[in-house]
Amino acid sequence: MLLSQSYVNVSFFQPPAFLIIGIPGLETVHGWISIPFFSMYTVALTGNCLILLAVRKTPSLHQPMYYLLSMLALSDAGLTLSTLPTTLAVLWFDHRLIGFNACLVQMFFLHSFSVVESSVLLAMSFDRFVAISNPLRYAAILTNNVIIRIGLAVVTRATVSLFPVPFLLKRLNFCPGKVLLSHSFCFHADVMKRACADITVNILYGLYVVLSTVGIDSLLIVLSYTLILYTVMGLASPRERIRALNTCVSHILAVLVFYIPVIGVSMIHRFGSHLPHIVHALVAYVYLVVPPVLNPIIYSVKSKPIREAMLRVLRRKG
């Protein structure tokens, strides 16, 4: 076994590694399950990289809205790469060990990219608000310098918020017999429950991070769209109202795709302890895998400039 009996009597214990799992109860068909997972990872990475290349190589897309879309694509690609190695290792090779420090690193990047995505979605809602409420000053307000500052603020916020989390976990005494995690990746709420110590500080800090990032972002996004609706309702022509709201559809869909799974994961971890393990696993996979897959599809379908630029990139590659 991974852990020897001699570990039981030590006063402070940190496991050399954790055991991760794939889809509970479906271990015998992991090979088949890996096919849709590999397909989704491929779509996510290809789609988001195409958006990045399309914006970079198309001068007409060098605008605030598309720079922010590039940030969203970058965070989606990072989120995908955070879970891809361990998930496919479990599904393809049944490789279930992940080192303790490697687990903390993966957890840091996984949650950091989630915070980055939430922050970028908030910045995009501000972009839509300015574009609709004050279109004549849009270019003057959202200059390249402002976009750069927003990008730096997003990365700094995520890094500062998540930096203490691994160190708060490293101070804990873990149980030698509790090394089996509930997912194929390291999730903060999952890892801290494997400790044989008081995790009140970890719980409170985790709650603080969620409320101060995703919680505040979601409220500000709702506020932005309340102000956008107020502005749109003041337009005289119904056609103008529809045209203005149509520019927000892609962003609204991206917000729903991100925040609905976030709420689902939070509810499951707080109140779903009685639910089967497979439910926990599936909700977590929806939260981490689905948004990076759907966002490029949403923007390529709803945004003609992005779709045409992506097609041009593909033709050049071909």
C-alpha atoms as a PDB file:
ATOM      1  CA  MET A   1       0.000   0.000   0.000  1.00  0.00           C
ATOM      2  CA  LEU A   2       1.032   3.622  -0.538  1.00  0.00           C
ATOM      3  CA  LEU A   3       1.362   4.404   3.142  1.00  0.00           C
ATOM      4  CA  SER A   4       3.187   2.248   5.681  1.00  0.00           C
ATOM      5  CA  GLN A   5       1.870   1.563   9.164  1.00  0.00           C
ATOM      6  CA  SER A   6       4.786   3.456  10.690  1.00  0.00           C
ATOM      7  CA  TYR A   7       3.188   6.736   9.648  1.00  0.00           C
ATOM      8  CA  VAL A   8       0.290   6.228  12.021  1.00  0.00           C
ATOM      9  CA  ASN A   9       2.214   7.126  15.162  1.00  0.00           C
ATOM     10  CA  VAL A  10       3.918  10.315  13.995  1.00  0.00           C
ATOM     11  CA  SER A  11       2.625  13.560  15.507  1.00  0.00           C
ATOM     12  CA  PHE A  12       2.623  15.485  12.213  1.00  0.00           C
ATOM     13  CA  PHE A  13       1.909  13.818   8.899  1.00  0.00           C
ATOM     14  CA  GLN A  14       1.655  14.988   5.326  1.00  0.00           C
ATOM     15  CA  PRO A  15       1.077  12.306   2.716  1.00  0.00           C
ATOM     16  CA  PRO A  16       3.789  11.924   0.065  1.00  0.00           C
ATOM     17  CA  ALA A  17       0.972  11.644  -2.451  1.00  0.00           C
ATOM     18  CA  PHE A  18      -2.803  11.584  -2.842  1.00  0.00           C
ATOM     19  CA  LEU A  19      -4.883   9.062  -4.749  1.00  0.00           C
ATOM     20  CA  ILE A  20      -7.150  10.568  -7.394  1.00  0.00           C
ATOM     21  CA  ILE A  21     -10.093   8.875  -9.097  1.00  0.00           C
ATOM     22  CA  GLY A  22     -11.944   9.119 -12.403  1.00  0.00           C
ATOM     23  CA  ILE A  23     -15.712   8.570 -12.543  1.00  0.00           C
ATOM     24  CA  PRO A  24     -16.724   6.625  -9.389  1.00  0.00           C
ATOM     25  CA  GLY A  25     -18.427   3.332 -10.188  1.00  0.00           C
ATOM     26  CA  LEU A  26     -17.492   3.461 -13.873  1.00  0.00           C
ATOM     27  CA  GLU A  27     -13.853   2.413 -13.598  1.00  0.00           C
ATOM     28  CA  THR A  28     -14.343  -0.512 -15.996  1.00  0.00           C
ATOM     29  CA  VAL A  29     -15.339   1.821 -18.845  1.00  0.00           C
ATOM     30  CA  HIS A  30     -12.779   4.588 -18.250  1.00  0.00           C
ATOM     31  CA  GLY A  31     -11.284   3.856 -21.667  1.00  0.00           C
ATOM     32  CA  TRP A  32     -14.576   4.666 -23.377  1.00  0.00           C
ATOM     33  CA  ILE A  33     -15.234   7.652 -21.113  1.00  0.00           C
ATOM     34  CA  SER A  34     -11.840   9.068 -22.085  1.00  0.00           C
ATOM     35  CA  ILE A  35     -13.051   9.534 -25.680  1.00  0.00           C
ATOM     36  CA  PRO A  36     -15.565  12.346 -24.937  1.00  0.00           C
ATOM     37  CA  PHE A  37     -13.157  13.868 -22.401  1.00  0.00           C
ATOM     38  CA  PHE A  38     -10.288  13.903 -24.911  1.00  0.00           C
ATOM     39  CA  SER A  39     -12.636  15.342 -27.533  1.00  0.00           C
ATOM     40  CA  MET A  40     -13.784  18.131 -25.201  1.00  0.00           C
ATOM     41  CA  TYR A  41     -10.224  18.975 -24.169  1.00  0.00           C
ATOM     42  CA  THR A  42      -9.216  19.087 -27.843  1.00  0.00           C
ATOM     43  CA  VAL A  43     -12.149  21.349 -28.747  1.00  0.00           C
ATOM     44  CA  ALA A  44     -11.433  23.625 -25.770  1.00  0.00           C
ATOM     45  CA  LEU A  45      -7.728  24.054 -26.542  1.00  0.00           C
ATOM     46  CA  THR A  46      -8.213  24.344 -30.310  1.00  0.00           C
ATOM     47  CA  GLY A  47     -11.107  26.804 -30.035  1.00  0.00           C
ATOM     48  CA  ASN A  48      -9.445  29.089 -27.497  1.00  0.00           C
ATOM     49  CA  CYS A  49      -6.089  29.050 -29.317  1.00  0.00           C
ATOM     50  CA  LEU A  50      -7.915  29.928 -32.555  1.00  0.00           C
ATOM     51  CA  ILE A  51      -9.517  32.931 -30.841  1.00  0.00           C
ATOM     52  CA  LEU A  52      -6.115  34.094 -29.591  1.00  0.00           C
ATOM     53  CA  LEU A  53      -4.565  33.728 -33.054  1.00  0.00           C
ATOM     54  CA  ALA A  54      -7.560  35.345 -34.758  1.00  0.00           C
ATOM     55  CA  VAL A  55      -7.412  38.447 -32.556  1.00  0.00           C
ATOM     56  CA  ARG A  56      -3.642  38.697 -32.841  1.00  0.00           C
ATOM     57  CA  LYS A  57      -3.516  38.403 -36.636  1.00  0.00           C
ATOM     58  CA  THR A  58      -6.570  40.552 -37.468  1.00  0.00           C
ATOM     59  CA  PRO A  59      -5.945  44.311 -37.098  1.00  0.00           C
ATOM     60  CA  SER A  60      -9.687  45.083 -37.177  1.00  0.00           C
ATOM     61  CA  LEU A  61     -10.085  43.030 -33.976  1.00  0.00           C
ATOM     62  CA  HIS A  62      -7.549  45.108 -32.064  1.00  0.00           C
ATOM     63  CA  GLN A  63     -10.328  46.606 -29.957  1.00  0.00           C
ATOM     64  CA  PRO A  64     -11.129  46.465 -26.208  1.00  0.00           C
ATOM     65  CA  MET A  65     -13.957  43.956 -26.621  1.00  0.00           C
ATOM     66  CA  TYR A  66     -11.732  41.466 -28.447  1.00  0.00           C
ATOM     67  CA  TYR A  67      -8.742  42.017 -26.170  1.00  0.00           C
ATOM     68  CA  LEU A  68     -10.999  41.039 -23.263  1.00  0.00           C
ATOM     69  CA  LEU A  69     -12.219  38.032 -25.269  1.00  0.00           C
ATOM     70  CA  SER A  70      -8.565  37.024 -25.680  1.00  0.00           C
ATOM     71  CA  MET A  71      -8.152  37.174 -21.897  1.00  0.00           C
ATOM     72  CA  LEU A  72     -11.200  34.930 -21.535  1.00  0.00           C
ATOM     73  CA  ALA A  73      -9.761  32.473 -24.069  1.00  0.00           C
ATOM     74  CA  LEU A  74      -6.407  32.501 -22.247  1.00  0.00           C
ATOM     75  CA  SER A  75      -8.055  31.746 -18.887  1.00  0.00           C
ATOM     76  CA  ASP A  76     -10.126  28.954 -20.482  1.00  0.00           C
ATOM     77  CA  ALA A  77      -6.994  27.412 -21.997  1.00  0.00           C
ATOM     78  CA  GLY A  78      -5.228  27.649 -18.622  1.00  0.00           C
ATOM     79  CA  LEU A  79      -8.186  26.049 -16.840  1.00  0.00           C
ATOM     80  CA  THR A  80      -8.192  23.213 -19.376  1.00  0.00           C
ATOM     81  CA  LEU A  81      -4.465  22.590 -19.046  1.00  0.00           C
ATOM     82  CA  SER A  82      -4.755  22.590 -15.241  1.00  0.00           C
ATOM     83  CA  THR A  83      -6.878  19.434 -15.187  1.00  0.00           C
ATOM     84  CA  LEU A  84      -6.039  17.714 -18.493  1.00  0.00           C
ATOM     85  CA  PRO A  85      -2.844  15.819 -17.432  1.00  0.00           C
ATOM     86  CA  THR A  86      -4.240  14.138 -14.318  1.00  0.00           C
ATOM     87  CA  THR A  87      -7.702  13.462 -15.763  1.00  0.00           C
ATOM     88  CA  LEU A  88      -6.412  11.754 -18.902  1.00  0.00           C
ATOM     89  CA  ALA A  89      -3.717   9.935 -16.891  1.00  0.00           C
ATOM     90  CA  VAL A  90      -6.444   8.366 -14.747  1.00  0.00           C
ATOM     91  CA  LEU A  91      -8.775   7.557 -17.655  1.00  0.00           C
ATOM     92  CA  TRP A  92      -6.081   6.240 -20.035  1.00  0.00           C
ATOM     93  CA  PHE A  93      -3.446   4.668 -17.808  1.00  0.00           C
ATOM     94  CA  ASP A  94      -5.154   4.343 -14.403  1.00  0.00           C
ATOM     95  CA  HIS A  95      -2.294   6.472 -13.023  1.00  0.00           C
ATOM     96  CA  ARG A  96      -3.884   7.619  -9.781  1.00  0.00           C
ATOM     97  CA  LEU A  97      -1.019   9.062  -7.755  1.00  0.00           C
ATOM     98  CA  ILE A  98      -0.336  12.782  -7.505  1.00  0.00           C
ATOM     99  CA  GLY A  99       2.419  14.119  -5.237  1.00  0.00           C
ATOM    100  CA  PHE A 100       1.405  16.314  -2.305  1.00  0.00           C
ATOM    101  CA  ASN A 101       3.198  19.429  -3.582  1.00  0.00           C
ATOM    102  CA  ALA A 102       2.118  18.771  -7.174  1.00  0.00           C
ATOM    103  CA  CYS A 103      -1.457  18.569  -5.895  1.00  0.00           C
ATOM    104  CA  LEU A 104      -1.137  21.980  -4.212  1.00  0.00           C
ATOM    105  CA  VAL A 105       0.340  23.509  -7.379  1.00  0.00           C
ATOM    106  CA  GLN A 106      -2.479  22.123  -9.517  1.00  0.00           C
ATOM    107  CA  MET A 107      -5.050  23.370  -7.013  1.00  0.00           C
ATOM    108  CA  PHE A 108      -3.516  26.866  -7.030  1.00  0.00           C
ATOM    109  CA  PHE A 109      -3.614  27.167 -10.826  1.00  0.00           C
ATOM    110  CA  LEU A 110      -7.062  25.581 -11.119  1.00  0.00           C
ATOM    111  CA  HIS A 111      -8.666  28.041  -8.701  1.00  0.00           C
ATOM    112  CA  SER A 112      -6.569  30.977  -9.949  1.00  0.00           C
ATOM    113  CA  PHE A 113      -7.767  30.532 -13.522  1.00  0.00           C
ATOM    114  CA  SER A 114     -11.352  30.312 -12.225  1.00  0.00           C
ATOM    115  CA  VAL A 115     -10.925  33.659 -10.442  1.00  0.00           C
ATOM    116  CA  VAL A 116      -9.307  35.126 -13.576  1.00  0.00           C
ATOM    117  CA  GLU A 117     -12.257  33.979 -15.685  1.00  0.00           C
ATOM    118  CA  SER A 118     -14.756  35.495 -13.261  1.00  0.00           C
ATOM    119  CA  SER A 119     -12.828  38.791 -13.254  1.00  0.00           C
ATOM    120  CA  VAL A 120     -12.624  38.884 -17.051  1.00  0.00           C
ATOM    121  CA  LEU A 121     -16.375  38.285 -17.336  1.00  0.00           C
ATOM    122  CA  LEU A 122     -16.886  41.267 -15.018  1.00  0.00           C
ATOM    123  CA  ALA A 123     -14.561  43.416 -17.162  1.00  0.00           C
ATOM    124  CA  MET A 124     -16.501  42.342 -20.258  1.00  0.00           C
ATOM    125  CA  SER A 125     -19.783  43.397 -18.653  1.00  0.00           C
ATOM    126  CA  PHE A 126     -18.247  46.831 -17.982  1.00  0.00           C
ATOM    127  CA  ASP A 127     -17.164  46.935 -21.628  1.00  0.00           C
ATOM    128  CA  ARG A 128     -20.738  46.264 -22.764  1.00  0.00           C
ATOM    129  CA  PHE A 129     -22.102  48.882 -20.359  1.00  0.00           C
ATOM    130  CA  VAL A 130     -19.755  51.573 -21.684  1.00  0.00           C
ATOM    131  CA  ALA A 131     -20.412  50.579 -25.312  1.00  0.00           C
ATOM    132  CA  ILE A 132     -24.186  50.889 -24.873  1.00  0.00           C
ATOM    133  CA  SER A 133     -24.520  53.755 -22.391  1.00  0.00           C
ATOM    134  CA  ASN A 134     -21.749  55.979 -23.744  1.00  0.00           C
ATOM    135  CA  PRO A 135     -20.807  54.833 -27.270  1.00  0.00           C
ATOM    136  CA  LEU A 136     -19.261  58.155 -28.331  1.00  0.00           C
ATOM    137  CA  ARG A 137     -16.682  58.000 -25.524  1.00  0.00           C
ATOM    138  CA  TYR A 138     -16.134  54.230 -25.691  1.00  0.00           C
ATOM    139  CA  ALA A 139     -12.717  54.450 -27.379  1.00  0.00           C
ATOM    140  CA  ALA A 140     -11.629  57.262 -25.057  1.00  0.00           C
ATOM    141  CA  ILE A 141     -12.621  55.344 -21.899  1.00  0.00           C
ATOM    142  CA  LEU A 142     -11.364  51.865 -22.812  1.00  0.00           C
ATOM    143  CA  THR A 143      -7.936  52.690 -24.206  1.00  0.00           C
ATOM    144  CA  ASN A 144      -5.162  50.129 -24.667  1.00  0.00           C
ATOM    145  CA  ASN A 145      -3.538  51.319 -21.436  1.00  0.00           C
ATOM    146  CA  VAL A 146      -6.789  50.770 -19.545  1.00  0.00           C
ATOM    147  CA  ILE A 147      -7.103  47.237 -20.975  1.00  0.00           C
ATOM    148  CA  ILE A 148      -3.499  46.468 -19.956  1.00  0.00           C
ATOM    149  CA  ARG A 149      -4.221  47.723 -16.423  1.00  0.00           C
ATOM    150  CA  ILE A 150      -7.364  45.594 -16.278  1.00  0.00           C
ATOM    151  CA  GLY A 151      -5.362  42.538 -17.332  1.00  0.00           C
ATOM    152  CA  LEU A 152      -2.685  43.166 -14.705  1.00  0.00           C
ATOM    153  CA  ALA A 153      -5.330  43.775 -12.033  1.00  0.00           C
ATOM    154  CA  VAL A 154      -7.091  40.509 -12.942  1.00  0.00           C
ATOM    155  CA  VAL A 155      -3.887  38.449 -12.668  1.00  0.00           C
ATOM    156  CA  THR A 156      -2.773  40.213  -9.468  1.00  0.00           C
ATOM    157  CA  ARG A 157      -6.153  39.717  -7.848  1.00  0.00           C
ATOM    158  CA  ALA A 158      -6.205  35.990  -8.584  1.00  0.00           C
ATOM    159  CA  THR A 159      -2.598  35.477  -7.468  1.00  0.00           C
ATOM    160  CA  VAL A 160      -2.947  37.426  -4.210  1.00  0.00           C
ATOM    161  CA  SER A 161      -6.274  35.766  -3.364  1.00  0.00           C
ATOM    162  CA  LEU A 162      -5.058  32.194  -3.943  1.00  0.00           C
ATOM    163  CA  PHE A 163      -1.407  32.476  -2.864  1.00  0.00           C
ATOM    164  CA  PRO A 164      -2.093  31.749   0.861  1.00  0.00           C
ATOM    165  CA  VAL A 165      -4.232  28.667   0.142  1.00  0.00           C
ATOM    166  CA  PRO A 166      -1.431  26.088  -0.420  1.00  0.00           C
ATOM    167  CA  PHE A 167       0.439  27.334   2.669  1.00  0.00           C
ATOM    168  CA  LEU A 168      -2.690  27.094   4.807  1.00  0.00           C
ATOM    169  CA  LEU A 169      -2.985  23.468   3.702  1.00  0.00           C
ATOM    170  CA  LYS A 170       0.699  22.678   4.282  1.00  0.00           C
ATOM    171  CA  ARG A 171       0.379  23.598   7.982  1.00  0.00           C
ATOM    172  CA  LEU A 172      -2.304  20.925   8.516  1.00  0.00           C
ATOM    173  CA  ASN A 173      -1.774  17.461   9.959  1.00  0.00           C
ATOM    174  CA  PHE A 174      -3.288  14.931   7.552  1.00  0.00           C
ATOM    175  CA  CYS A 175      -4.747  11.510   8.301  1.00  0.00           C
ATOM    176  CA  PRO A 176      -2.601   8.609   7.011  1.00  0.00           C
ATOM    177  CA  GLY A 177      -5.696   6.691   5.997  1.00  0.00           C
ATOM    178  CA  LYS A 178      -7.427   9.566   4.192  1.00  0.00           C
ATOM    179  CA  VAL A 179      -5.488  10.052   0.973  1.00  0.00           C
ATOM    180  CA  LEU A 180      -8.240   9.264  -1.538  1.00  0.00           C
ATOM    181  CA  LEU A 181      -9.583  12.388  -3.250  1.00  0.00           C
ATOM    182  CA  SER A 182     -13.014  12.656  -4.859  1.00  0.00           C
ATOM    183  CA  HIS A 183     -11.892  13.841  -8.308  1.00  0.00           C
ATOM    184  CA  SER A 184      -9.160  13.361 -10.896  1.00  0.00           C
ATOM    185  CA  PHE A 185      -7.688  16.717  -9.856  1.00  0.00           C
ATOM    186  CA  CYS A 186      -7.013  18.606  -6.624  1.00  0.00           C
ATOM    187  CA  PHE A 187      -9.891  20.735  -5.427  1.00  0.00           C
ATOM    188  CA  HIS A 188      -9.438  22.917  -2.311  1.00  0.00           C
ATOM    189  CA  ALA A 189     -12.639  21.813  -0.578  1.00  0.00           C
ATOM    190  CA  ASP A 190     -11.737  18.188  -1.266  1.00  0.00           C
ATOM    191  CA  VAL A 191      -8.092  18.326  -0.121  1.00  0.00           C
ATOM    192  CA  MET A 192      -8.708  20.156   3.161  1.00  0.00           C
ATOM    193  CA  LYS A 193     -11.286  17.544   4.239  1.00  0.00           C
ATOM    194  CA  ARG A 194      -8.490  14.944   4.252  1.00  0.00           C
ATOM    195  CA  ALA A 195      -6.852  16.679   7.229  1.00  0.00           C
ATOM    196  CA  CYS A 196      -7.033  15.367  10.796  1.00  0.00           C
ATOM    197  CA  ALA A 197      -6.889  18.880  12.211  1.00  0.00           C
ATOM    198  CA  ASP A 198      -9.056  21.920  12.750  1.00  0.00           C
ATOM    199  CA  ILE A 199      -9.757  23.324   9.271  1.00  0.00           C
ATOM    200  CA  THR A 200     -11.844  26.311  10.412  1.00  0.00           C
ATOM    201  CA  VAL A 201      -9.249  28.789   9.106  1.00  0.00           C
ATOM    202  CA  ASN A 202      -9.167  27.018   5.736  1.00  0.00           C
ATOM    203  CA  ILE A 203     -12.960  27.020   5.490  1.00  0.00           C
ATOM    204  CA  LEU A 204     -13.236  30.700   6.418  1.00  0.00           C
ATOM    205  CA  TYR A 205     -10.475  31.779   4.055  1.00  0.00           C
ATOM    206  CA  GLY A 206     -11.934  29.679   1.232  1.00  0.00           C
ATOM    207  CA  LEU A 207     -15.321  31.305   1.840  1.00  0.00           C
ATOM    208  CA  TYR A 208     -13.695  34.736   1.882  1.00  0.00           C
ATOM    209  CA  VAL A 209     -11.981  34.081  -1.469  1.00  0.00           C
ATOM    210  CA  VAL A 210     -15.228  32.896  -3.060  1.00  0.00           C
ATOM    211  CA  LEU A 211     -17.264  35.846  -1.757  1.00  0.00           C
ATOM    212  CA  SER A 212     -14.599  38.466  -2.513  1.00  0.00           C
ATOM    213  CA  THR A 213     -14.066  37.264  -6.074  1.00  0.00           C
ATOM    214  CA  VAL A 214     -16.840  35.234  -7.704  1.00  0.00           C
ATOM    215  CA  GLY A 215     -19.484  36.564  -5.284  1.00  0.00           C
ATOM    216  CA  ILE A 216     -18.704  40.247  -5.815  1.00  0.00           C
ATOM    217  CA  ASP A 217     -18.142  39.735  -9.549  1.00  0.00           C
ATOM    218  CA  SER A 218     -21.557  38.124 -10.020  1.00  0.00           C
ATOM    219  CA  LEU A 219     -23.299  40.972  -8.159  1.00  0.00           C
ATOM    220  CA  LEU A 220     -21.472  43.620 -10.197  1.00  0.00           C
ATOM    221  CA  ILE A 221     -22.326  41.795 -13.434  1.00  0.00           C
ATOM    222  CA  VAL A 222     -26.006  41.816 -12.435  1.00  0.00           C
ATOM    223  CA  LEU A 223     -25.700  45.528 -11.623  1.00  0.00           C
ATOM    224  CA  SER A 224     -24.062  46.187 -15.008  1.00  0.00           C
ATOM    225  CA  TYR A 225     -26.884  44.487 -16.868  1.00  0.00           C
ATOM    226  CA  THR A 226     -29.491  46.282 -14.775  1.00  0.00           C
ATOM    227  CA  LEU A 227     -27.939  49.584 -15.893  1.00  0.00           C
ATOM    228  CA  ILE A 228     -27.671  48.298 -19.470  1.00  0.00           C
ATOM    229  CA  LEU A 229     -31.382  47.391 -19.501  1.00  0.00           C
ATOM    230  CA  TYR A 230     -32.241  50.812 -18.061  1.00  0.00           C
ATOM    231  CA  THR A 231     -30.238  52.461 -20.859  1.00  0.00           C
ATOM    232  CA  VAL A 232     -31.710  50.236 -23.569  1.00  0.00           C
ATOM    233  CA  MET A 233     -35.273  50.870 -22.427  1.00  0.00           C
ATOM    234  CA  GLY A 234     -34.571  54.570 -22.901  1.00  0.00           C
ATOM    235  CA  LEU A 235     -33.873  54.102 -26.615  1.00  0.00           C
ATOM    236  CA  ALA A 236     -36.662  55.353 -28.827  1.00  0.00           C
ATOM    237  CA  SER A 237     -36.577  52.709 -31.547  1.00  0.00           C
ATOM    238  CA  PRO A 238     -37.407  49.029 -30.828  1.00  0.00           C
ATOM    239  CA  ARG A 239     -34.900  48.109 -33.545  1.00  0.00           C
ATOM    240  CA  GLU A 240     -32.157  49.993 -31.699  1.00  0.00           C
ATOM    241  CA  ARG A 241     -33.063  48.208 -28.473  1.00  0.00           C
ATOM    242  CA  ILE A 242     -32.807  44.797 -30.132  1.00  0.00           C
ATOM    243  CA  ARG A 243     -29.526  45.752 -31.802  1.00  0.00           C
ATOM    244  CA  ALA A 244     -28.066  46.957 -28.487  1.00  0.00           C
ATOM    245  CA  LEU A 245     -29.151  43.849 -26.579  1.00  0.00           C
ATOM    246  CA  ASN A 246     -27.899  41.576 -29.363  1.00  0.00           C
ATOM    247  CA  THR A 247     -24.338  42.801 -28.721  1.00  0.00           C
ATOM    248  CA  CYS A 248     -24.638  41.380 -25.188  1.00  0.00           C
ATOM    249  CA  VAL A 249     -25.962  37.901 -26.046  1.00  0.00           C
ATOM    250  CA  SER A 250     -22.555  36.209 -26.332  1.00  0.00           C
ATOM    251  CA  HIS A 251     -21.398  37.645 -23.025  1.00  0.00           C
ATOM    252  CA  ILE A 252     -24.648  36.729 -21.239  1.00  0.00           C
ATOM    253  CA  LEU A 253     -24.305  33.123 -22.465  1.00  0.00           C
ATOM    254  CA  ALA A 254     -20.646  33.020 -21.323  1.00  0.00           C
ATOM    255  CA  VAL A 255     -21.700  34.321 -17.879  1.00  0.00           C
ATOM    256  CA  LEU A 256     -24.400  31.659 -17.567  1.00  0.00           C
ATOM    257  CA  VAL A 257     -22.055  28.898 -18.766  1.00  0.00           C
ATOM    258  CA  PHE A 258     -19.527  29.868 -16.072  1.00  0.00           C
ATOM    259  CA  TYR A 259     -21.671  30.846 -13.083  1.00  0.00           C
ATOM    260  CA  ILE A 260     -24.343  28.124 -13.184  1.00  0.00           C
ATOM    261  CA  PRO A 261     -21.742  25.319 -12.733  1.00  0.00           C
ATOM    262  CA  VAL A 262     -19.940  27.436 -10.079  1.00  0.00           C
ATOM    263  CA  ILE A 263     -23.173  27.673  -8.095  1.00  0.00           C
ATOM    264  CA  GLY A 264     -23.751  23.939  -8.622  1.00  0.00           C
ATOM    265  CA  VAL A 265     -20.287  23.014  -7.318  1.00  0.00           C
ATOM    266  CA  SER A 266     -20.690  25.308  -4.287  1.00  0.00           C
ATOM    267  CA  MET A 267     -24.088  23.850  -3.422  1.00  0.00           C
ATOM    268  CA  ILE A 268     -22.865  20.270  -3.849  1.00  0.00           C
ATOM    269  CA  HIS A 269     -19.846  20.781  -1.577  1.00  0.00           C
ATOM    270  CA  ARG A 270     -21.852  22.626   1.091  1.00  0.00           C
ATOM    271  CA  PHE A 271     -25.102  20.673   1.165  1.00  0.00           C
ATOM    272  CA  GLY A 272     -24.670  17.570  -1.023  1.00  0.00           C
ATOM    273  CA  SER A 273     -22.699  15.249   1.261  1.00  0.00           C
ATOM    274  CA  HIS A 274     -25.561  12.713   1.068  1.00  0.00           C
ATOM    275  CA  LEU A 275     -25.454  12.576  -2.740  1.00  0.00           C
ATOM    276  CA  PRO A 276     -23.643   9.762  -4.603  1.00  0.00           C
ATOM    277  CA  HIS A 277     -19.955  10.394  -5.416  1.00  0.00           C
ATOM    278  CA  ILE A 278     -20.705  10.239  -9.129  1.00  0.00           C
ATOM    279  CA  VAL A 279     -22.893  13.371  -8.803  1.00  0.00           C
ATOM    280  CA  HIS A 280     -20.034  15.291  -7.153  1.00  0.00           C
ATOM    281  CA  ALA A 281     -17.647  14.162  -9.904  1.00  0.00           C
ATOM    282  CA  LEU A 282     -19.957  15.032 -12.801  1.00  0.00           C
ATOM    283  CA  VAL A 283     -20.822  18.503 -11.444  1.00  0.00           C
ATOM    284  CA  ALA A 284     -17.104  19.261 -10.967  1.00  0.00           C
ATOM    285  CA  TYR A 285     -16.318  18.155 -14.528  1.00  0.00           C
ATOM    286  CA  VAL A 286     -19.139  20.331 -15.892  1.00  0.00           C
ATOM    287  CA  TYR A 287     -17.702  23.291 -13.959  1.00  0.00           C
ATOM    288  CA  LEU A 288     -14.141  22.811 -15.233  1.00  0.00           C
ATOM    289  CA  VAL A 289     -14.541  21.345 -18.718  1.00  0.00           C
ATOM    290  CA  VAL A 290     -17.772  22.740 -20.196  1.00  0.00           C
ATOM    291  CA  PRO A 291     -17.099  26.543 -20.117  1.00  0.00           C
ATOM    292  CA  PRO A 292     -13.757  26.278 -21.991  1.00  0.00           C
ATOM    293  CA  VAL A 293     -15.507  24.113 -24.608  1.00  0.00           C
ATOM    294  CA  LEU A 294     -18.602  26.283 -25.056  1.00  0.00           C
ATOM    295  CA  ASN A 295     -17.125  29.796 -24.944  1.00  0.00           C
ATOM    296  CA  PRO A 296     -15.280  29.552 -28.300  1.00  0.00           C
ATOM    297  CA  ILE A 297     -18.407  28.005 -29.846  1.00  0.00           C
ATOM    298  CA  ILE A 298     -20.633  30.768 -28.467  1.00  0.00           C
ATOM    299  CA  TYR A 299     -18.401  33.576 -29.728  1.00  0.00           C
ATOM    300  CA  SER A 300     -17.712  31.973 -33.110  1.00  0.00           C
ATOM    301  CA  VAL A 301     -21.454  31.495 -33.702  1.00  0.00           C
ATOM    302  CA  LYS A 302     -22.681  34.848 -32.362  1.00  0.00           C
ATOM    303  CA  SER A 303     -19.810  37.101 -33.491  1.00  0.00           C
ATOM    304  CA  LYS A 304     -19.336  37.342 -37.263  1.00  0.00           C
ATOM    305  CA  PRO A 305     -15.936  39.152 -37.047  1.00  0.00           C
ATOM    306  CA  ILE A 306     -14.547  36.440 -34.756  1.00  0.00           C
ATOM    307  CA  ARG A 307     -15.957  33.640 -36.904  1.00  0.00           C
ATOM    308  CA  GLU A 308     -14.478  35.090 -40.100  1.00  0.00           C
ATOM    309  CA  ALA A 309     -11.099  35.728 -38.444  1.00  0.00           C
ATOM    310  CA  MET A 310     -10.980  32.154 -37.092  1.00  0.00           C
ATOM    311  CA  LEU A 311     -11.771  30.774 -40.551  1.00  0.00           C
ATOM    312  CA  ARG A 312      -8.971  32.865 -42.058  1.00  0.00           C
ATOM    313  CA  VAL A 313      -6.532  31.448 -39.500  1.00  0.00           C
ATOM    314  CA  LEU A 314      -7.634  27.907 -40.367  1.00  0.00           C
ATOM    315  CA  ARG A 315      -7.207  28.558 -44.094  1.00  0.00           C
ATOM    316  CA  ARG A 316      -3.677  29.856 -43.551  1.00  0.00           C
ATOM    317  CA  LYS A 317      -2.817  26.790 -41.473  1.00  0.00           C
ATOM    318  CA  GLY A 318      -4.309  24.572 -44.161  1.00  0.00           C
END
